[in-house]
Amino acid sequence: MFETIWTYIVTQVDTINLATWILLFFISILYDIIYTKSVLYISKLDATAAANLSVILYVIMAYGTINYVKNFINIIPIVLGAWIGTYGILKYEKLKYVKWKKERKERKRLKK
């Protein structure tokens, strides 16, 4: 099975469009950032923000799907961008949370 997949990839290398790969890579990063933000808005019950982001997600998802259906090799930049997008936004949100928690602790200390 692995040999079949590898053979397919090697035969498709000539069909790679670098501009499309770059666009798909950055769009999938954007998709994961928006998705994470959407989940945060949903957890806050902010219906308008979550719905607006949902529309954007469907447009990005449709573009990505069309591209990898046309040429399955295009899934590679999507997968790489998805990993980076999710990892990056969660690291960023964690840093914000740690900073908020530290500031909250300091405010409590100053009130005493």
Protein backbone atom coordinates (compact mmCIF):
# COMPACT_ATOMS: atom_id res chain seq x y z
CA MET A 1 0.00 0.00 0.00
CA PHE A 2 2.78 2.45 0.94
CA GLU A 3 4.48 1.67 -2.36
CA THR A 4 1.28 2.54 -4.24
CA ILE A 5 0.92 5.86 -2.42
CA TRP A 6 4.59 6.70 -2.98
CA THR A 7 4.27 5.85 -6.70
CA TYR A 8 1.24 8.13 -6.95
CA ILE A 9 3.07 11.00 -5.25
CA VAL A 10 6.11 10.63 -7.49
CA THR A 11 3.94 10.64 -10.63
CA GLN A 12 2.12 13.78 -9.43
CA VAL A 13 5.22 15.88 -8.71
CA ASP A 14 5.07 17.36 -12.22
CA THR A 15 1.56 18.68 -11.52
CA ILE A 16 2.55 20.70 -8.44
CA ASN A 17 1.87 24.42 -8.77
CA LEU A 18 4.08 26.24 -6.26
CA ALA A 19 1.81 29.30 -6.09
CA THR A 20 -1.17 27.06 -5.30
CA TRP A 21 0.83 25.20 -2.64
CA ILE A 22 1.87 28.45 -0.95
CA LEU A 23 -1.70 29.75 -1.03
CA LEU A 24 -3.12 26.49 0.33
CA PHE A 25 -0.48 26.43 3.07
CA PHE A 26 -1.29 29.93 4.33
CA ILE A 27 -5.03 29.48 3.88
CA SER A 28 -4.96 26.33 6.01
CA ILE A 29 -3.03 28.20 8.71
CA LEU A 30 -5.70 30.90 8.57
CA TYR A 31 -8.45 28.26 8.67
CA ASP A 32 -7.12 26.75 11.88
CA ILE A 33 -6.68 30.14 13.52
CA ILE A 34 -10.25 31.09 12.63
CA TYR A 35 -11.55 27.69 13.71
CA THR A 36 -9.92 28.01 17.12
CA LYS A 37 -11.27 31.52 17.56
CA SER A 38 -14.70 30.25 16.51
CA VAL A 39 -14.61 27.58 19.23
CA LEU A 40 -13.64 30.25 21.77
CA TYR A 41 -16.58 32.44 20.69
CA ILE A 42 -18.93 29.47 20.84
CA SER A 43 -17.78 28.72 24.39
CA LYS A 44 -18.53 32.36 25.28
CA LEU A 45 -21.98 32.02 23.61
CA ASP A 46 -21.17 34.92 21.27
CA ALA A 47 -23.52 33.90 18.45
CA THR A 48 -22.75 36.73 16.01
CA ALA A 49 -18.98 36.36 16.11
CA ALA A 50 -19.19 32.56 15.91
CA ALA A 51 -21.62 32.69 12.96
CA ASN A 52 -19.46 35.21 11.06
CA LEU A 53 -16.38 33.05 11.51
CA SER A 54 -18.36 29.98 10.46
CA VAL A 55 -19.12 31.57 7.09
CA ILE A 56 -15.44 32.32 6.53
CA LEU A 57 -14.55 28.75 7.50
CA TYR A 58 -16.92 27.29 4.90
CA VAL A 59 -15.47 29.46 2.14
CA ILE A 60 -11.89 28.48 3.02
CA MET A 61 -12.86 24.83 3.38
CA ALA A 62 -14.56 24.83 -0.04
CA TYR A 63 -11.47 26.33 -1.69
CA GLY A 64 -9.18 23.76 -0.08
CA THR A 65 -11.49 20.88 -0.96
CA ILE A 66 -11.76 21.93 -4.60
CA ASN A 67 -7.98 22.09 -4.84
CA TYR A 68 -7.23 18.70 -3.39
CA VAL A 69 -10.05 17.03 -5.30
CA LYS A 70 -8.50 18.39 -8.51
CA ASN A 71 -5.07 17.13 -7.47
CA PHE A 72 -4.75 15.00 -4.35
CA ILE A 73 -1.08 15.97 -3.91
CA ASN A 74 -2.40 19.41 -2.83
CA ILE A 75 -3.35 17.87 0.51
CA ILE A 76 0.29 18.15 1.62
CA PRO A 77 0.43 21.96 2.12
CA ILE A 78 -3.05 21.85 3.68
CA VAL A 79 -1.96 19.30 6.29
CA LEU A 80 1.27 21.18 7.06
CA GLY A 81 -0.55 24.50 7.37
CA ALA A 82 -3.23 22.95 9.56
CA TRP A 83 -0.66 21.65 12.02
CA ILE A 84 1.20 24.95 12.18
CA GLY A 85 -2.02 26.96 12.47
CA THR A 86 -3.40 24.94 15.36
CA TYR A 87 -0.08 24.75 17.18
CA GLY A 88 0.57 28.47 16.76
CA ILE A 89 -2.84 29.72 17.85
CA LEU A 90 -2.92 27.46 20.90
CA LYS A 91 0.56 28.60 21.96
CA TYR A 92 -0.57 32.23 21.52
CA GLU A 93 -3.80 31.71 23.49
CA LYS A 94 -1.89 29.94 26.26
CA LEU A 95 0.54 32.88 26.52
CA LYS A 96 -2.41 35.29 26.74
CA TYR A 97 -4.01 33.17 29.45
CA VAL A 98 -0.81 32.92 31.50
CA LYS A 99 -0.34 36.69 31.24
CA TRP A 100 -3.97 37.31 32.26
CA LYS A 101 -3.65 34.92 35.20
CA LYS A 102 -0.44 36.62 36.37
CA GLU A 103 -2.03 40.10 36.11
CA ARG A 104 -5.11 38.90 37.99
CA LYS A 105 -2.94 37.49 40.77
CA GLU A 106 -1.04 40.81 40.97
CA ARG A 107 -4.28 42.82 41.16
CA LYS A 108 -5.52 40.63 44.01
CA ARG A 109 -2.21 41.08 45.80
CA LEU A 110 -2.40 44.88 45.42
CA LYS A 111 -5.97 45.00 46.79
CA LYS A 112 -4.86 43.49 50.10
